[in-house]
Amino acid sequence: MIDIKYYFRKRRHVHYMTKMICDLHNEIVTMSMTGEYCYNKNRTVIHGNLENKAKLLKKYNKRLTLILY
């Protein structure tokens, strides 16, 4: 028999991880949309720590799939 506290704790953690993933995805999209494009250098300059947020997003997605299955 599954412990009820364990079930509720897991459900709460899954909800928290899903919320964190959505927030990170939203921040990444808005930062990439507001990035400045340098026409003479043909590259986009994005301010902030976008690479760290992308790594966190990948890590959280992996953790969520491990928790769910």
N, C-alpha and C. Protein backbone atom coordinates (compact mmCIF):
# COMPACT_ATOMS: atom_id res chain seq x y z
N MET A 1 0.83 -1.17 0.00
CA MET A 1 0.00 0.00 0.00
C MET A 1 0.88 1.24 0.00
N ILE A 2 0.53 2.18 -0.85
CA ILE A 2 1.32 3.40 -0.98
C ILE A 2 0.98 4.34 0.17
N ASP A 3 2.03 4.88 0.74
CA ASP A 3 1.84 5.83 1.82
C ASP A 3 1.22 7.11 1.26
N ILE A 4 0.20 7.62 1.91
CA ILE A 4 -0.51 8.80 1.42
C ILE A 4 0.37 10.03 1.49
N LYS A 5 1.19 10.17 2.54
CA LYS A 5 2.09 11.32 2.63
C LYS A 5 3.09 11.33 1.48
N TYR A 6 3.59 10.14 1.15
CA TYR A 6 4.53 10.03 0.04
C TYR A 6 3.85 10.44 -1.27
N TYR A 7 2.64 10.02 -1.48
CA TYR A 7 1.90 10.36 -2.70
C TYR A 7 1.70 11.86 -2.81
N PHE A 8 1.28 12.52 -1.72
CA PHE A 8 1.05 13.95 -1.76
C PHE A 8 2.35 14.73 -1.91
N ARG A 9 3.42 14.25 -1.28
CA ARG A 9 4.71 14.90 -1.40
C ARG A 9 5.22 14.82 -2.83
N LYS A 10 5.05 13.66 -3.45
CA LYS A 10 5.49 13.48 -4.83
C LYS A 10 4.67 14.36 -5.77
N ARG A 11 3.37 14.42 -5.54
CA ARG A 11 2.50 15.24 -6.38
C ARG A 11 2.87 16.72 -6.26
N ARG A 12 3.16 17.15 -5.04
CA ARG A 12 3.56 18.54 -4.81
C ARG A 12 4.90 18.84 -5.49
N HIS A 13 5.82 17.90 -5.43
CA HIS A 13 7.13 18.08 -6.06
C HIS A 13 7.01 18.12 -7.58
N VAL A 14 6.17 17.27 -8.14
CA VAL A 14 5.95 17.28 -9.59
C VAL A 14 5.34 18.60 -10.02
N HIS A 15 4.40 19.11 -9.26
CA HIS A 15 3.79 20.41 -9.57
C HIS A 15 4.84 21.52 -9.51
N TYR A 16 5.70 21.48 -8.50
CA TYR A 16 6.76 22.49 -8.35
C TYR A 16 7.74 22.43 -9.52
N MET A 17 8.15 21.23 -9.90
CA MET A 17 9.10 21.09 -11.00
C MET A 17 8.48 21.55 -12.33
N THR A 18 7.22 21.25 -12.54
CA THR A 18 6.54 21.69 -13.75
C THR A 18 6.47 23.21 -13.80
N LYS A 19 6.20 23.84 -12.68
CA LYS A 19 6.15 25.29 -12.61
C LYS A 19 7.52 25.90 -12.87
N MET A 20 8.57 25.30 -12.32
CA MET A 20 9.92 25.80 -12.54
C MET A 20 10.31 25.68 -14.02
N ILE A 21 9.94 24.57 -14.65
CA ILE A 21 10.25 24.37 -16.07
C ILE A 21 9.54 25.41 -16.92
N CYS A 22 8.27 25.68 -16.62
CA CYS A 22 7.51 26.68 -17.38
C CYS A 22 8.11 28.07 -17.20
N ASP A 23 8.50 28.41 -15.99
CA ASP A 23 9.10 29.72 -15.74
C ASP A 23 10.43 29.88 -16.47
N LEU A 24 11.27 28.85 -16.41
CA LEU A 24 12.54 28.92 -17.11
C LEU A 24 12.36 29.02 -18.62
N HIS A 25 11.42 28.25 -19.15
CA HIS A 25 11.16 28.31 -20.59
C HIS A 25 10.68 29.70 -20.99
N ASN A 26 9.81 30.29 -20.18
CA ASN A 26 9.31 31.62 -20.45
C ASN A 26 10.44 32.65 -20.42
N GLU A 27 11.33 32.56 -19.44
CA GLU A 27 12.45 33.49 -19.36
C GLU A 27 13.39 33.35 -20.54
N ILE A 28 13.65 32.12 -20.97
CA ILE A 28 14.54 31.89 -22.10
C ILE A 28 13.95 32.48 -23.37
N VAL A 29 12.66 32.27 -23.59
CA VAL A 29 12.02 32.79 -24.80
C VAL A 29 12.01 34.31 -24.79
N THR A 30 11.67 34.94 -23.67
CA THR A 30 11.63 36.40 -23.63
C THR A 30 13.03 36.99 -23.78
N MET A 31 14.04 36.35 -23.19
CA MET A 31 15.40 36.86 -23.34
C MET A 31 15.88 36.73 -24.78
N SER A 32 15.52 35.65 -25.45
CA SER A 32 15.97 35.49 -26.83
C SER A 32 15.22 36.44 -27.77
N MET A 33 13.99 36.78 -27.44
CA MET A 33 13.23 37.72 -28.27
C MET A 33 13.73 39.15 -28.10
N THR A 34 14.20 39.49 -26.91
CA THR A 34 14.65 40.86 -26.66
C THR A 34 16.14 41.03 -26.93
N GLY A 35 16.80 40.03 -27.46
CA GLY A 35 18.23 40.12 -27.76
C GLY A 35 18.48 41.10 -28.90
N GLU A 36 19.66 41.68 -28.88
CA GLU A 36 20.04 42.64 -29.91
C GLU A 36 20.78 41.92 -31.03
N TYR A 37 20.46 42.27 -32.25
CA TYR A 37 21.11 41.65 -33.40
C TYR A 37 22.12 42.63 -33.97
N CYS A 38 23.37 42.20 -34.10
CA CYS A 38 24.43 43.03 -34.67
C CYS A 38 24.49 42.74 -36.17
N TYR A 39 24.11 43.72 -36.98
CA TYR A 39 24.05 43.49 -38.43
C TYR A 39 25.43 43.33 -39.04
N ASN A 40 26.42 44.06 -38.54
CA ASN A 40 27.74 43.98 -39.16
C ASN A 40 28.49 42.71 -38.76
N LYS A 41 28.12 42.07 -37.65
CA LYS A 41 28.81 40.87 -37.21
C LYS A 41 27.98 39.60 -37.42
N ASN A 42 26.73 39.75 -37.84
CA ASN A 42 25.82 38.62 -38.09
C ASN A 42 25.69 37.70 -36.88
N ARG A 43 25.47 38.26 -35.74
CA ARG A 43 25.24 37.46 -34.54
C ARG A 43 24.29 38.19 -33.61
N THR A 44 23.68 37.42 -32.74
CA THR A 44 22.72 37.97 -31.78
C THR A 44 23.39 38.07 -30.42
N VAL A 45 23.27 39.24 -29.80
CA VAL A 45 23.84 39.46 -28.47
C VAL A 45 22.71 39.38 -27.46
N ILE A 46 22.79 38.42 -26.56
CA ILE A 46 21.76 38.22 -25.55
C ILE A 46 22.40 38.46 -24.19
N HIS A 47 21.83 39.39 -23.45
CA HIS A 47 22.37 39.72 -22.15
C HIS A 47 21.84 38.77 -21.08
N GLY A 48 22.64 38.49 -20.09
CA GLY A 48 22.20 37.62 -19.01
C GLY A 48 22.83 36.25 -19.10
N ASN A 49 22.38 35.37 -18.27
CA ASN A 49 22.95 34.02 -18.20
C ASN A 49 22.00 33.02 -18.86
N LEU A 50 21.85 33.16 -20.15
CA LEU A 50 20.93 32.32 -20.90
C LEU A 50 21.40 30.87 -20.97
N GLU A 51 22.71 30.67 -21.08
CA GLU A 51 23.22 29.31 -21.17
C GLU A 51 22.97 28.54 -19.88
N ASN A 52 23.13 29.21 -18.74
CA ASN A 52 22.87 28.54 -17.46
C ASN A 52 21.41 28.16 -17.33
N LYS A 53 20.52 29.03 -17.79
CA LYS A 53 19.09 28.73 -17.71
C LYS A 53 18.73 27.58 -18.64
N ALA A 54 19.38 27.50 -19.78
CA ALA A 54 19.12 26.39 -20.70
C ALA A 54 19.60 25.07 -20.09
N LYS A 55 20.74 25.10 -19.41
CA LYS A 55 21.24 23.88 -18.76
C LYS A 55 20.30 23.46 -17.63
N LEU A 56 19.81 24.44 -16.86
CA LEU A 56 18.86 24.13 -15.79
C LEU A 56 17.58 23.54 -16.34
N LEU A 57 17.10 24.08 -17.46
CA LEU A 57 15.88 23.57 -18.08
C LEU A 57 16.07 22.12 -18.49
N LYS A 58 17.20 21.80 -19.08
CA LYS A 58 17.49 20.42 -19.49
C LYS A 58 17.55 19.50 -18.27
N LYS A 59 18.20 19.98 -17.21
CA LYS A 59 18.34 19.20 -15.99
C LYS A 59 16.98 18.94 -15.33
N TYR A 60 16.14 19.98 -15.26
CA TYR A 60 14.83 19.83 -14.63
C TYR A 60 13.92 18.92 -15.44
N ASN A 61 14.00 18.99 -16.77
CA ASN A 61 13.20 18.10 -17.61
C ASN A 61 13.58 16.65 -17.39
N LYS A 62 14.90 16.40 -17.30
CA LYS A 62 15.37 15.04 -17.07
C LYS A 62 14.91 14.54 -15.70
N ARG A 63 15.00 15.39 -14.69
CA ARG A 63 14.60 14.99 -13.35
C ARG A 63 13.09 14.71 -13.28
N LEU A 64 12.31 15.54 -13.98
CA LEU A 64 10.86 15.34 -13.97
C LEU A 64 10.47 14.03 -14.64
N THR A 65 11.14 13.69 -15.75
CA THR A 65 10.81 12.41 -16.39
C THR A 65 11.20 11.23 -15.51
N LEU A 66 12.30 11.37 -14.75
CA LEU A 66 12.68 10.29 -13.84
C LEU A 66 11.69 10.14 -12.69
N ILE A 67 11.17 11.25 -12.22
CA ILE A 67 10.21 11.20 -11.11
C ILE A 67 8.89 10.59 -11.58
N LEU A 68 8.45 10.96 -12.76
CA LEU A 68 7.14 10.52 -13.23
C LEU A 68 7.12 9.04 -13.61
N TYR A 69 8.23 8.50 -14.09
CA TYR A 69 8.20 7.13 -14.59
C TYR A 69 9.08 6.22 -13.82
